[in-house]
Amino acid sequence: MKISCLVLFFVTNLLGCVHPWLYPCKQISWGIYTVHKRCILDDVVIRTDTELYKIFFPPVELIINSGFIRDFSKAVADRLSKKTTHLTVQFCGLERVFLRDTLEKVILNYNAIDEVRFDSAKDLKVWALHMMSNYLRDVSFVQNMTSLVILNLRSNFIETVSWETFKNLKSLATLELGRNRLKTIDGGDVQLPSLKRLLLDRNRLFSFDLSNANLKQVNELNISSNELLSLNLFNFEKTFPALDTLDISNNPWNCGRRQRLEDWMFLKRVTNQQSNTSEVPCVEDHLQTIAFTVPDGTDRFRDDFQRLQYFYYDQLSEQDANQRLSMAKARSGRLQYDLGLLNNSVHTTEQKINHLFRIYNLRASHNMH
């Protein structure tokens, strides 16, 4: 009897008496090294006049499922235990949030957040940040969060994104920007060596070119449900050489360009991931098809020309005259081949442009009559 009373007294003091606790755990998961590992709270209300000293968050994974906390300020964040590395706050009407540097996984979905604060980005240990269904318009706050591996900003109000924002996120493996208001993405010369999943579905993208970005490890790309009519397939293939899965569905594609893209996916054995919603019909326009094809040939021409320049510079960098002559002889065949490619590329491009103008003039003449 005495032992039972002592145990009850110990647990009671640990959970409620030593620390005034306004919000008891709805669910407690008991562990070996701590009293409990996960605490789930409901209906948590913290206002500006709330006496924070009465709030005690246990030193475990904390999940706040509902309530009203307009400002999860530094003062509120300081009530978290340093042992709490996983924090979830959802359906609480959050507008502003402060991230402690002890947090590692943060889920802040289904709030109204438009501002994220912290003391120093370089001190943050957050590797997973989920902020789906909030009011974010600017993503620049993540630019120095170098520990990020997963970043989910789905279903916000983001209209523009500069790829330069992510240039320091060398460990970033998953980037979700679906269900925003993106119209264009500024590529920039950015190296993201770890990125594997890029989800840009359900935006308003009418062009898509990340040819200057290093995305050579991306194996899953979703650009479905946008406003895309065509892709520069030459640049696209260079940007995403490791693609396994691609979703291009529900875009108003030009029929010829979509067929070309699907043929490329078949040849490269890229899985054609189809969305469950009904497919948007493609646009059958021969004139438009030719116009969209020209940039592919132009960029291929430019790429071939740049490779010719590299060969020339390599040859000039050789100091020994005999070795330089030997290199010139060895490369002569390759240069001749590249010149042939250039000539064919120029000829093909000229044909397409001339054909394009003829069709355009015929169409304009027909409309006048």
Protein backbone atom coordinates (compact mmCIF):
# COMPACT_ATOMS: atom_id res chain seq x y z
CA MET A 1 0.00 0.00 0.00
CA LYS A 2 2.76 2.40 0.91
CA ILE A 3 4.66 1.55 -2.30
CA SER A 4 1.58 2.26 -4.42
CA CYS A 5 1.10 5.63 -2.72
CA LEU A 6 4.73 6.55 -3.29
CA VAL A 7 4.51 5.65 -7.00
CA LEU A 8 1.28 7.65 -7.38
CA PHE A 9 2.83 10.61 -5.55
CA PHE A 10 5.95 10.50 -7.79
CA VAL A 11 3.97 10.38 -11.07
CA THR A 12 1.54 13.09 -9.93
CA ASN A 13 4.35 15.44 -9.02
CA LEU A 14 6.19 14.72 -12.24
CA LEU A 15 3.16 15.36 -14.46
CA GLY A 16 1.36 18.17 -12.74
CA CYS A 17 2.35 19.44 -9.34
CA VAL A 18 5.93 20.52 -9.80
CA HIS A 19 4.98 22.33 -13.06
CA PRO A 20 1.56 24.02 -13.30
CA TRP A 21 0.09 22.42 -16.41
CA LEU A 22 -2.87 23.99 -18.17
CA TYR A 23 -3.16 21.34 -20.87
CA PRO A 24 -2.98 17.65 -19.95
CA CYS A 25 -1.93 15.13 -22.58
CA LYS A 26 -4.76 13.51 -24.46
CA GLN A 27 -2.54 10.56 -25.26
CA ILE A 28 0.62 9.43 -23.54
CA SER A 29 3.08 6.94 -25.00
CA TRP A 30 5.18 5.43 -22.26
CA GLY A 31 8.85 4.80 -22.88
CA ILE A 32 11.87 3.31 -21.13
CA TYR A 33 14.11 6.34 -20.62
CA THR A 34 11.44 9.03 -20.25
CA VAL A 35 8.04 9.13 -18.56
CA HIS A 36 6.42 9.41 -21.99
CA LYS A 37 7.73 9.93 -25.52
CA ARG A 38 4.77 11.59 -27.22
CA CYS A 39 2.17 13.99 -25.91
CA ILE A 40 -0.96 14.91 -27.90
CA LEU A 41 -2.82 18.07 -26.90
CA ASP A 42 -6.20 19.42 -28.06
CA ASP A 43 -7.86 22.83 -27.70
CA VAL A 44 -4.71 24.69 -26.67
CA VAL A 45 -5.40 28.43 -26.37
CA ILE A 46 -2.48 30.85 -25.91
CA ARG A 47 -3.16 34.58 -26.17
CA THR A 48 -1.08 37.65 -25.38
CA ASP A 49 -2.49 37.72 -21.85
CA THR A 50 -1.90 34.02 -21.18
CA GLU A 51 0.25 33.41 -18.09
CA LEU A 52 2.99 31.46 -19.78
CA TYR A 53 4.56 30.38 -16.51
CA LYS A 54 1.56 28.09 -16.04
CA ILE A 55 2.25 26.28 -19.29
CA PHE A 56 4.49 23.25 -19.12
CA PHE A 57 5.23 21.29 -22.26
CA PRO A 58 6.71 17.87 -21.40
CA PRO A 59 10.17 16.86 -22.72
CA VAL A 60 8.83 14.66 -25.51
CA GLU A 61 7.53 14.78 -29.08
CA LEU A 62 4.74 17.35 -28.86
CA ILE A 63 1.62 17.33 -31.04
CA ILE A 64 -0.93 20.15 -30.72
CA ASN A 65 -3.89 19.11 -32.85
CA SER A 66 -6.24 22.06 -32.35
CA GLY A 67 -6.71 25.32 -30.53
CA PHE A 68 -5.93 29.00 -30.99
CA ILE A 69 -2.34 30.28 -30.92
CA ARG A 70 -2.08 33.30 -33.21
CA ASP A 71 1.57 33.98 -32.36
CA PHE A 72 3.85 31.06 -31.46
CA SER A 73 6.38 33.62 -30.27
CA LYS A 74 9.86 33.17 -28.84
CA ALA A 75 8.33 33.40 -25.36
CA VAL A 76 5.98 30.50 -26.17
CA ALA A 77 8.76 28.53 -27.87
CA ASP A 78 10.89 28.94 -24.74
CA ARG A 79 8.29 26.91 -22.86
CA LEU A 80 9.27 23.89 -24.96
CA SER A 81 11.68 21.47 -23.41
CA LYS A 82 15.15 21.30 -24.96
CA LYS A 83 14.50 17.56 -25.33
CA THR A 84 11.54 18.23 -27.63
CA THR A 85 12.95 17.79 -31.14
CA HIS A 86 9.67 17.00 -32.97
CA LEU A 87 6.91 19.61 -32.90
CA THR A 88 3.50 19.55 -34.59
CA VAL A 89 1.05 22.46 -34.40
CA GLN A 90 -1.96 22.27 -36.70
CA PHE A 91 -5.48 23.76 -36.89
CA CYS A 92 -4.49 26.48 -34.41
CA GLY A 93 -4.79 29.62 -36.53
CA LEU A 94 -1.07 30.33 -36.34
CA GLU A 95 -0.02 33.52 -38.11
CA ARG A 96 3.57 33.80 -36.87
CA VAL A 97 5.92 31.13 -35.61
CA PHE A 98 9.33 31.10 -33.94
CA LEU A 99 11.59 28.08 -34.51
CA ARG A 100 13.86 27.03 -31.67
CA ASP A 101 17.30 25.78 -32.61
CA THR A 102 16.66 22.50 -30.74
CA LEU A 103 13.90 21.42 -33.14
CA GLU A 104 14.63 18.85 -35.83
CA LYS A 105 11.25 17.99 -37.36
CA VAL A 106 8.50 20.62 -37.54
CA ILE A 107 4.96 20.18 -38.88
CA LEU A 108 2.87 23.37 -39.04
CA ASN A 109 0.17 22.38 -41.52
CA TYR A 110 -3.34 23.90 -41.75
CA ASN A 111 -2.71 27.26 -40.14
CA ALA A 112 -2.50 30.86 -41.40
CA ILE A 113 1.26 31.40 -41.15
CA ASP A 114 2.75 34.24 -43.17
CA GLU A 115 5.89 34.85 -41.11
CA VAL A 116 8.62 32.53 -39.81
CA ARG A 117 11.24 33.74 -37.34
CA PHE A 118 14.32 32.34 -35.59
CA ASP A 119 17.46 33.59 -33.89
CA SER A 120 19.99 32.34 -36.41
CA ALA A 121 19.41 30.15 -39.46
CA LYS A 122 22.88 28.61 -39.22
CA ASP A 123 22.05 27.28 -35.72
CA LEU A 124 18.82 25.59 -36.80
CA LYS A 125 18.84 21.78 -36.82
CA VAL A 126 15.51 21.40 -38.65
CA TRP A 127 15.83 18.72 -41.35
CA ALA A 128 12.09 18.38 -42.09
CA LEU A 129 9.82 21.42 -42.36
CA HIS A 130 6.17 20.91 -43.34
CA MET A 131 4.10 24.08 -43.80
CA MET A 132 1.28 22.91 -46.02
CA SER A 133 -1.93 24.99 -46.26
CA ASN A 134 -0.77 28.31 -44.84
CA TYR A 135 -0.59 31.92 -46.10
CA LEU A 136 3.07 32.05 -47.12
CA ARG A 137 3.93 34.36 -50.02
CA ASP A 138 7.70 34.53 -49.60
CA VAL A 139 10.04 31.54 -49.24
CA SER A 140 13.29 33.46 -48.70
CA PHE A 141 13.30 32.58 -44.99
CA VAL A 142 14.65 29.10 -45.85
CA GLN A 143 17.72 30.31 -47.78
CA ASN A 144 20.20 29.62 -44.96
CA MET A 145 18.49 26.63 -43.33
CA THR A 146 21.28 24.34 -44.48
CA SER A 147 20.09 21.27 -42.53
CA LEU A 148 16.88 20.96 -44.54
CA VAL A 149 16.30 17.61 -46.24
CA ILE A 150 12.51 17.85 -46.70
CA LEU A 151 10.72 21.13 -47.40
CA ASN A 152 6.96 21.06 -47.94
CA LEU A 153 5.38 24.44 -48.80
CA ARG A 154 2.37 23.00 -50.59
CA SER A 155 -0.93 24.93 -50.74
CA ASN A 156 0.24 28.45 -49.94
CA PHE A 157 0.06 31.77 -51.83
CA ILE A 158 3.54 31.73 -53.39
CA GLU A 159 3.58 33.52 -56.76
CA THR A 160 7.30 33.74 -57.56
CA VAL A 161 10.32 31.64 -56.64
CA SER A 162 13.95 32.38 -57.38
CA TRP A 163 16.05 29.23 -57.52
CA GLU A 164 18.82 31.24 -55.84
CA THR A 165 16.78 30.93 -52.62
CA PHE A 166 17.74 27.24 -52.40
CA LYS A 167 21.40 27.52 -53.41
CA ASN A 168 22.72 26.86 -49.87
CA LEU A 169 20.47 23.85 -49.23
CA LYS A 170 22.96 21.20 -50.31
CA SER A 171 21.17 18.44 -48.37
CA LEU A 172 17.69 19.18 -49.71
CA ALA A 173 16.20 15.96 -51.14
CA THR A 174 12.48 16.80 -51.42
CA LEU A 175 10.97 20.13 -52.43
CA GLU A 176 7.17 20.45 -52.60
CA LEU A 177 5.71 23.65 -54.06
CA GLY A 178 2.47 22.24 -55.43
CA ARG A 179 -0.88 24.06 -55.19
CA ASN A 180 0.58 27.56 -55.14
CA ARG A 181 0.31 30.44 -57.64
CA LEU A 182 3.60 30.05 -59.46
CA LYS A 183 3.68 31.40 -63.02
CA THR A 184 7.41 31.25 -63.68
CA ILE A 185 10.51 29.94 -61.94
CA ASP A 186 13.79 31.79 -62.21
CA GLY A 187 16.35 29.06 -62.86
CA GLY A 188 19.68 30.59 -61.90
CA ASP A 189 23.02 28.80 -61.82
CA VAL A 190 22.35 26.71 -58.71
CA GLN A 191 23.82 23.39 -57.55
CA LEU A 192 21.37 21.14 -55.68
CA PRO A 193 23.28 17.85 -55.64
CA SER A 194 20.90 16.02 -53.27
CA LEU A 195 17.51 16.97 -54.71
CA LYS A 196 15.55 13.88 -55.80
CA ARG A 197 11.87 14.91 -55.69
CA LEU A 198 10.54 18.16 -57.18
CA LEU A 199 6.77 18.65 -57.04
CA LEU A 200 5.34 21.69 -58.86
CA ASP A 201 1.85 20.46 -59.69
CA ARG A 202 -1.32 22.61 -59.60
CA ASN A 203 0.34 25.96 -60.20
CA ARG A 204 0.03 28.42 -63.10
CA LEU A 205 3.32 27.72 -64.87
CA PHE A 206 3.23 28.66 -68.55
CA SER A 207 6.99 28.14 -69.07
CA PHE A 208 9.43 25.77 -67.45
CA ASP A 209 13.17 26.09 -67.96
CA LEU A 210 15.72 25.22 -65.29
CA SER A 211 18.54 24.61 -67.76
CA ASN A 212 21.09 26.55 -65.69
CA ALA A 213 20.36 24.64 -62.49
CA ASN A 214 22.16 21.43 -61.54
CA LEU A 215 19.32 18.97 -60.86
CA LYS A 216 21.07 15.85 -62.05
CA GLN A 217 19.84 13.65 -59.17
CA VAL A 218 16.12 14.44 -59.54
CA ASN A 219 14.30 11.18 -60.25
CA GLU A 220 10.70 12.34 -59.64
CA LEU A 221 9.18 15.45 -61.20
CA ASN A 222 5.56 16.54 -61.14
CA ILE A 223 4.52 19.46 -63.36
CA SER A 224 0.90 18.39 -63.83
CA SER A 225 -2.09 20.77 -63.78
CA ASN A 226 -0.25 23.88 -64.96
CA GLU A 227 -0.56 26.03 -68.12
CA LEU A 228 2.25 24.42 -70.12
CA LEU A 229 1.97 24.25 -73.90
CA SER A 230 5.47 23.00 -74.67
CA LEU A 231 8.89 22.15 -73.21
CA ASN A 232 12.32 22.78 -74.67
CA LEU A 233 13.13 19.09 -74.75
CA PHE A 234 16.84 19.60 -75.44
CA ASN A 235 17.33 21.67 -72.26
CA PHE A 236 14.89 19.50 -70.31
CA GLU A 237 16.90 16.35 -71.01
CA LYS A 238 20.14 18.05 -69.96
CA THR A 239 18.58 19.36 -66.73
CA PHE A 240 16.95 16.08 -65.64
CA PRO A 241 19.18 13.20 -66.85
CA ALA A 242 18.18 10.89 -63.96
CA LEU A 243 14.37 11.07 -64.22
CA ASP A 244 12.45 7.90 -63.36
CA THR A 245 8.95 9.33 -62.93
CA LEU A 246 7.35 12.32 -64.63
CA ASP A 247 3.78 13.62 -64.42
CA ILE A 248 2.86 15.99 -67.27
CA SER A 249 -0.90 15.45 -67.20
CA ASN A 250 -3.60 18.13 -67.19
CA ASN A 251 -1.68 20.77 -69.11
CA PRO A 252 -3.07 22.36 -72.31
CA TRP A 253 -0.18 20.89 -74.35
CA ASN A 254 0.30 21.47 -78.03
CA CYS A 255 -0.51 17.99 -79.38
CA GLY A 256 2.68 17.65 -81.41
CA ARG A 257 4.88 18.72 -78.51
CA ARG A 258 3.13 16.45 -76.04
CA GLN A 259 3.58 13.51 -78.41
CA ARG A 260 7.27 14.34 -78.76
CA LEU A 261 7.62 14.48 -74.98
CA GLU A 262 5.80 11.19 -74.50
CA ASP A 263 7.99 9.56 -77.17
CA TRP A 264 11.07 10.80 -75.33
CA MET A 265 9.74 9.38 -72.05
CA PHE A 266 9.16 6.01 -73.74
CA LEU A 267 12.67 5.89 -75.19
CA LYS A 268 14.26 6.93 -71.87
CA ARG A 269 12.03 4.51 -69.91
CA VAL A 270 10.64 7.32 -67.77
CA THR A 271 7.39 6.32 -66.06
CA ASN A 272 4.50 8.43 -67.29
CA GLN A 273 2.71 9.18 -64.05
CA GLN A 274 -0.90 10.15 -64.71
CA SER A 275 -3.06 12.14 -62.31
CA ASN A 276 -6.45 10.76 -61.34
CA THR A 277 -8.38 13.80 -62.58
CA SER A 278 -9.73 14.05 -66.12
CA GLU A 279 -7.14 14.91 -68.76
CA VAL A 280 -7.07 18.38 -70.35
CA PRO A 281 -7.28 17.99 -74.17
CA CYS A 282 -4.22 19.03 -76.17
CA VAL A 283 -4.29 21.77 -78.81
CA GLU A 284 -3.90 20.65 -82.44
CA ASP A 285 -2.06 23.50 -84.18
CA HIS A 286 0.60 22.71 -86.79
CA LEU A 287 1.87 26.28 -86.95
CA GLN A 288 2.26 26.35 -83.17
CA THR A 289 4.06 23.00 -83.24
CA ILE A 290 6.71 24.32 -85.62
CA ALA A 291 7.14 27.49 -83.57
CA PHE A 292 7.67 25.48 -80.37
CA THR A 293 10.18 23.18 -82.10
CA VAL A 294 12.56 25.96 -83.19
CA PRO A 295 14.04 26.68 -79.69
CA ASP A 296 15.13 23.02 -79.36
CA GLY A 297 17.22 23.25 -82.53
CA THR A 298 18.57 26.69 -81.67
CA ASP A 299 19.79 25.56 -78.25
CA ARG A 300 21.29 22.39 -79.71
CA PHE A 301 23.17 24.58 -82.22
CA ARG A 302 24.46 26.80 -79.40
CA ASP A 303 25.55 23.79 -77.34
CA ASP A 304 27.47 22.30 -80.27
CA PHE A 305 29.19 25.62 -80.91
CA GLN A 306 30.25 25.91 -77.25
CA ARG A 307 31.79 22.43 -77.36
CA LEU A 308 33.81 23.49 -80.41
CA GLN A 309 35.16 26.42 -78.41
CA TYR A 310 36.17 24.15 -75.51
CA PHE A 311 38.14 21.93 -77.89
CA TYR A 312 39.96 24.98 -79.21
CA TYR A 313 40.84 26.30 -75.73
CA ASP A 314 42.11 22.88 -74.62
CA GLN A 315 44.37 22.73 -77.63
CA LEU A 316 45.84 26.19 -76.98
CA SER A 317 46.50 25.35 -73.32
CA GLU A 318 49.01 22.65 -74.30
CA GLN A 319 52.59 24.04 -74.01
CA ASP A 320 54.53 21.48 -76.01
CA ALA A 321 54.34 22.19 -79.79
CA ASN A 322 54.55 18.52 -80.84
CA GLN A 323 51.92 17.53 -78.34
CA ARG A 324 49.72 20.39 -79.54
CA LEU A 325 50.00 19.17 -83.13
CA SER A 326 49.24 15.63 -82.03
CA MET A 327 46.15 16.82 -80.18
CA ALA A 328 45.04 18.85 -83.20
CA LYS A 329 45.33 15.79 -85.44
CA ALA A 330 43.44 13.60 -82.97
CA ARG A 331 40.64 16.13 -82.71
CA SER A 332 40.30 16.91 -86.38
CA GLY A 333 37.85 14.07 -86.93
CA ARG A 334 35.75 15.13 -83.96
CA LEU A 335 35.73 18.76 -85.12
CA GLN A 336 34.64 17.73 -88.59
CA TYR A 337 31.80 15.70 -87.09
CA ASP A 338 30.71 18.62 -84.91
CA LEU A 339 30.82 20.99 -87.86
CA GLY A 340 28.52 18.61 -89.70
CA LEU A 341 26.11 18.71 -86.75
CA LEU A 342 26.21 22.47 -86.74
CA ASN A 343 25.54 22.63 -90.46
CA ASN A 344 22.59 20.23 -90.17
CA SER A 345 21.23 22.14 -87.18
CA VAL A 346 21.41 25.48 -89.02
CA HIS A 347 19.80 23.99 -92.15
CA THR A 348 16.97 22.36 -90.18
CA THR A 349 16.31 25.51 -88.19
CA GLU A 350 16.19 27.64 -91.35
CA GLN A 351 13.74 25.21 -92.93
CA LYS A 352 11.44 25.32 -89.94
CA ILE A 353 11.54 29.12 -89.71
CA ASN A 354 10.81 29.50 -93.44
CA HIS A 355 7.99 26.98 -93.19
CA LEU A 356 6.65 28.82 -90.19
CA PHE A 357 6.57 32.14 -92.05
CA ARG A 358 4.90 30.57 -95.10
CA ILE A 359 2.13 29.06 -93.02
CA TYR A 360 1.72 32.28 -91.08
CA ASN A 361 1.43 34.34 -94.26
CA LEU A 362 -1.07 31.90 -95.74
CA ARG A 363 -3.16 32.00 -92.58
CA ALA A 364 -3.03 35.82 -92.47
CA SER A 365 -4.02 36.02 -96.16
CA HIS A 366 -6.91 33.62 -95.58
CA ASN A 367 -8.16 35.66 -92.63
CA MET A 368 -8.04 38.88 -94.69
CA HIS A 369 -10.21 37.34 -97.44
